[in-house]
Protein backbone atom coordinates (compact mmCIF):
# COMPACT_ATOMS: atom_id res chain seq x y z
CA MET A 1 111.05 118.67 -27.04
CA ASP A 2 113.87 121.16 -26.72
CA ASP A 3 116.61 120.95 -24.16
CA PRO A 4 116.74 123.91 -21.74
CA GLU A 5 119.52 126.39 -22.44
CA ALA A 6 122.35 125.90 -19.93
CA GLY A 7 123.12 129.66 -19.74
CA GLN A 8 119.63 130.66 -18.53
CA THR A 9 119.41 127.70 -16.15
CA TRP A 10 122.66 128.80 -14.47
CA VAL A 11 121.59 132.46 -14.28
CA VAL A 12 118.20 131.60 -12.77
CA SER A 13 119.80 129.05 -10.31
CA LEU A 14 122.40 131.52 -9.19
CA ALA A 15 119.91 134.30 -8.69
CA GLY A 16 117.71 131.98 -6.71
CA ILE A 17 120.57 130.77 -4.45
CA ILE A 18 121.57 134.46 -3.88
CA ILE A 19 118.07 135.54 -2.99
CA LEU A 20 117.63 132.62 -0.70
CA SER A 21 120.93 133.24 1.02
CA VAL A 22 120.21 136.89 1.62
CA LEU A 23 116.79 136.03 2.94
CA VAL A 24 118.09 133.42 5.41
CA ILE A 25 120.84 135.86 6.64
CA ALA A 26 118.28 138.69 7.12
CA ILE A 27 116.00 136.28 9.16
CA CYS A 28 118.97 135.28 11.37
CA VAL A 29 120.03 138.86 11.97
CA PHE A 30 116.42 139.83 12.96
CA PHE A 31 116.05 136.75 15.23
CA PHE A 32 119.37 137.22 17.03
CA ARG A 33 118.75 140.99 17.59
CA PHE A 34 115.36 140.24 19.02
CA GLU A 35 116.77 137.40 21.19
CA ASN A 36 119.61 139.71 22.63
CA LYS A 37 117.12 142.42 23.32
CA GLU A 38 114.91 139.96 25.23
CA VAL A 39 117.83 138.48 27.20
CA ASP A 40 119.03 141.97 28.12
CA GLU A 41 115.52 143.00 29.32
CA LYS A 42 114.66 139.79 31.22
CA VAL A 43 117.98 138.52 32.45
CA VAL A 44 120.71 141.21 32.47
CA MET A 45 118.61 144.18 33.68
CA PRO A 46 115.49 142.83 35.45
CA ALA A 47 113.33 145.42 37.07
CA ASN A 48 113.79 144.56 40.72
CA ALA A 49 111.60 146.65 43.04
CA TRP A 50 113.87 146.14 45.99
CA SER A 51 116.98 147.43 44.10
CA GLN A 52 115.03 150.27 42.64
CA GLY A 53 113.78 151.32 46.00
CA MET A 54 117.27 151.08 47.53
CA ARG A 55 118.77 153.17 44.67
CA LEU A 56 116.05 155.84 45.23
CA GLU A 57 116.72 155.85 48.96
CA GLN A 58 120.45 156.28 48.41
CA GLU A 59 119.93 159.05 45.85
CA GLY A 60 117.78 160.79 48.35
CA GLU A 61 120.50 160.62 51.02
CA LEU A 62 122.96 162.14 48.57
CA ALA A 63 120.61 165.03 47.88
CA LYS A 64 119.96 166.40 51.39
CA TYR A 65 121.83 167.99 54.36
CA GLN A 66 122.14 165.89 57.51
CA LYS A 67 123.89 165.94 60.91
CA TYR A 68 125.53 162.95 62.39
CA SER A 69 128.29 162.08 64.86
CA VAL A 70 131.37 159.92 64.73
CA ALA A 71 133.40 158.49 67.51
CA ALA A 72 136.77 160.11 68.03
CA PRO A 73 139.83 158.07 69.09
CA ASP A 74 139.36 159.47 72.67
CA GLY A 75 135.80 158.11 72.84
CA SER A 76 133.95 161.45 72.49
CA MET A 77 131.42 161.98 69.68
CA GLN A 78 132.31 164.56 67.22
CA PRO A 79 129.43 166.22 65.22
CA ARG A 80 129.69 166.18 61.47
CA ILE A 81 127.50 167.72 58.67
CA ARG A 82 126.71 165.83 55.47
CA ILE A 83 126.06 168.10 52.39
CA PRO A 84 124.40 167.17 49.23
CA ILE A 85 126.78 165.74 46.58
CA SER A 86 125.90 168.47 43.99
CA ARG A 87 126.89 171.14 46.51
CA ALA A 88 130.09 169.18 47.29
CA MET A 89 131.05 169.13 43.66
CA GLU A 90 130.39 172.91 43.36
CA ILE A 91 132.71 173.56 46.36
CA VAL A 92 135.41 171.42 44.85
CA ALA A 93 135.08 173.20 41.50
CA GLU A 94 135.34 176.58 43.17
CA ARG A 95 138.10 175.91 45.68
CA GLY A 96 139.96 172.95 44.16
CA VAL A 97 141.19 169.89 46.00
CA ALA A 98 143.59 170.50 48.82
CA ALA A 99 146.98 168.85 48.46
CA PRO A 100 147.50 165.75 50.78
CA THR A 101 149.75 166.36 53.72
CA ALA A 102 152.40 163.89 54.68
CA PRO A 103 151.82 162.24 58.10
């Protein structure tokens, strides 16, 4: 019976170790990517019906004209008009922002 050649044994052993290492690293990468995705979907950004409804309601308020009143320092009610945020941005882009005045 002949002894195995040391050179071939080393080459086959190193190739096996390299292939096994690459396989283990690839499986770890896939596992942790999947785990992070699941944590993000289920914990970080859960689909909460209440918060989605509140957000839709607030976005609706930002997109329509409304009239409302505020109390002045003398006790009288002063009428105000709320405009959609998109229109407000257009006005600011056209006219610019007024410089603040010193009190």
